[in-house]
C-alpha cells in the first residue's frame, strides 16, 4: 500500500511540476505577445501620424493653390471693372471737354 501511495504522491508532484512549467511558459509567451503587440501598435501609430502629416501637407498645398486661383480671379474681375470705369469715364471726359471747348470758342 505504501508503494501505491508513493506512486500517487510522485504522480501528484510530477503533475504540479508540469503545471508550474506550463504556467511559466504561458507567462513568458504572454510577455512576448504583449511586447510584439506594443511594438506593432507603436509602428501603426507612427505610420498613421506620418500619413496624417502627408495628408495635412497636401491639403494645405491644395488650399493655397485654390486661394491663389480665387485671388487671381478676383484680381482679374477688379482689373476688368477698373478698365471699364476708365473707358466709360474717357468717353464722358471727351464729351464734356468738347462741350467746354465749344462754349469757350463759340
Protein backbone atom coordinates (compact mmCIF):
# COMPACT_ATOMS: atom_id res chain seq x y z
CA UNK A 1 0.00 0.00 0.00
CA UNK A 2 2.86 2.40 0.79
CA UNK A 3 4.30 1.75 -2.64
CA UNK A 4 0.99 2.68 -4.29
CA UNK A 5 0.74 5.78 -2.15
CA UNK A 6 4.27 6.82 -3.03
CA UNK A 7 3.40 6.45 -6.72
CA UNK A 8 0.31 8.63 -6.27
CA UNK A 9 2.36 11.27 -4.40
CA UNK A 10 5.07 11.13 -7.08
CA UNK A 11 2.41 11.44 -9.77
CA UNK A 12 0.88 14.47 -7.99
CA UNK A 13 4.30 16.09 -7.55
CA UNK A 14 5.10 15.43 -11.23
CA UNK A 15 1.75 16.97 -12.26
CA UNK A 16 2.41 20.04 -10.10
CA UNK A 17 5.87 20.40 -11.63
CA UNK A 18 4.40 20.17 -15.14
CA UNK A 19 1.69 22.69 -14.19
CA UNK A 20 4.37 25.09 -12.90
CA UNK A 21 6.28 24.68 -16.20
CA UNK A 22 3.10 25.34 -18.20
CA UNK A 23 2.36 28.47 -16.15
CA UNK A 24 5.96 29.67 -16.54
CA UNK A 25 5.88 29.13 -20.32
CA UNK A 26 2.48 30.81 -20.56
CA UNK A 27 3.74 33.87 -18.67
CA UNK A 28 6.81 34.09 -20.92
CA UNK A 29 4.69 33.69 -24.04
CA UNK A 30 2.18 36.32 -22.87
CA UNK A 31 5.06 38.75 -22.23
CA UNK A 32 6.39 38.13 -25.74
CA UNK A 33 2.92 38.58 -27.25
CA UNK A 34 2.44 41.82 -25.29
CA UNK A 35 5.84 43.14 -26.40
CA UNK A 36 5.04 42.31 -30.04
CA UNK A 37 1.63 43.96 -29.73
CA UNK A 38 3.20 47.06 -28.16
CA UNK A 39 5.79 47.20 -30.94
CA UNK A 40 3.16 46.71 -33.66
CA UNK A 41 0.92 49.30 -32.03
CA UNK A 42 3.75 51.82 -31.98
CA UNK A 43 4.53 51.11 -35.65
CA UNK A 44 0.88 51.59 -36.58
CA UNK A 45 0.68 54.82 -34.56
CA UNK A 46 3.85 56.20 -36.16
CA UNK A 47 2.64 55.21 -39.61
CA UNK A 48 -0.70 56.86 -39.02
CA UNK A 49 0.97 60.05 -37.82
CA UNK A 50 3.21 60.09 -40.90
CA UNK A 51 0.25 59.55 -43.24
CA UNK A 52 -1.70 62.29 -41.44
CA UNK A 53 1.23 64.70 -41.86
CA UNK A 54 1.39 63.92 -45.58
CA UNK A 55 -2.36 64.42 -45.99
CA UNK A 56 -2.18 67.64 -43.98
CA UNK A 57 0.65 69.00 -46.11
CA UNK A 58 -1.21 68.02 -49.26
CA UNK A 59 -4.41 69.67 -48.02
CA UNK A 60 -2.51 72.86 -47.17
CA UNK A 61 -0.93 72.95 -50.64
CA UNK A 62 -4.31 72.39 -52.27
CA UNK A 63 -5.89 75.14 -50.14
CA UNK A 64 -3.07 77.53 -51.06
CA UNK A 65 -3.49 76.66 -54.75
CA UNK A 66 -7.27 77.21 -54.55
CA UNK A 67 -6.79 80.50 -52.68
CA UNK A 68 -4.32 81.66 -55.33
CA UNK A 69 -6.80 80.81 -58.09
CA UNK A 70 -9.58 82.69 -56.31
CA UNK A 71 -7.25 85.65 -55.70
CA UNK A 72 -6.31 85.74 -59.40
CA UNK A 73 -9.99 85.57 -60.36
CA UNK A 74 -10.92 88.42 -58.01
CA UNK A 75 -7.95 90.46 -59.23
CA UNK A 76 -8.94 89.84 -62.86
CA UNK A 77 -12.54 90.88 -62.17
CA UNK A 78 -11.32 94.02 -60.38
CA UNK A 79 -8.98 94.88 -63.24
CA UNK A 80 -11.78 94.42 -65.81
CA UNK A 81 -14.08 96.60 -63.71
CA UNK A 82 -11.42 99.30 -63.37
CA UNK A 83 -10.74 99.22 -67.12
CA UNK A 84 -14.49 99.58 -67.82
CA UNK A 85 -14.75 102.53 -65.45
CA UNK A 86 -11.71 104.12 -67.09
CA UNK A 87 -13.14 103.52 -70.57
CA UNK A 88 -16.56 104.87 -69.59
CA UNK A 89 -15.04 107.93 -67.98
CA UNK A 90 -12.79 108.57 -71.00
CA UNK A 91 -15.85 108.76 -73.26
CA UNK A 92 -17.53 111.18 -70.85
CA UNK A 93 -14.37 113.21 -70.44
CA UNK A 94 -14.10 113.66 -74.22
CA UNK A 95 -17.77 114.66 -74.41
CA UNK A 96 -17.51 117.24 -71.63
CA UNK A 97 -14.15 118.51 -72.88
CA UNK A 98 -15.72 119.14 -76.30
CA UNK A 99 -18.64 120.98 -74.67
CA UNK A 100 -16.27 123.17 -72.64
CA UNK A 101 -14.13 123.93 -75.69
CA UNK A 102 -17.23 124.81 -77.76
CA UNK A 103 -18.62 127.01 -75.01
CA UNK A 104 -15.31 128.90 -74.79
CA UNK A 105 -14.64 129.12 -78.53
CA UNK A 106 -18.17 129.63 -79.52
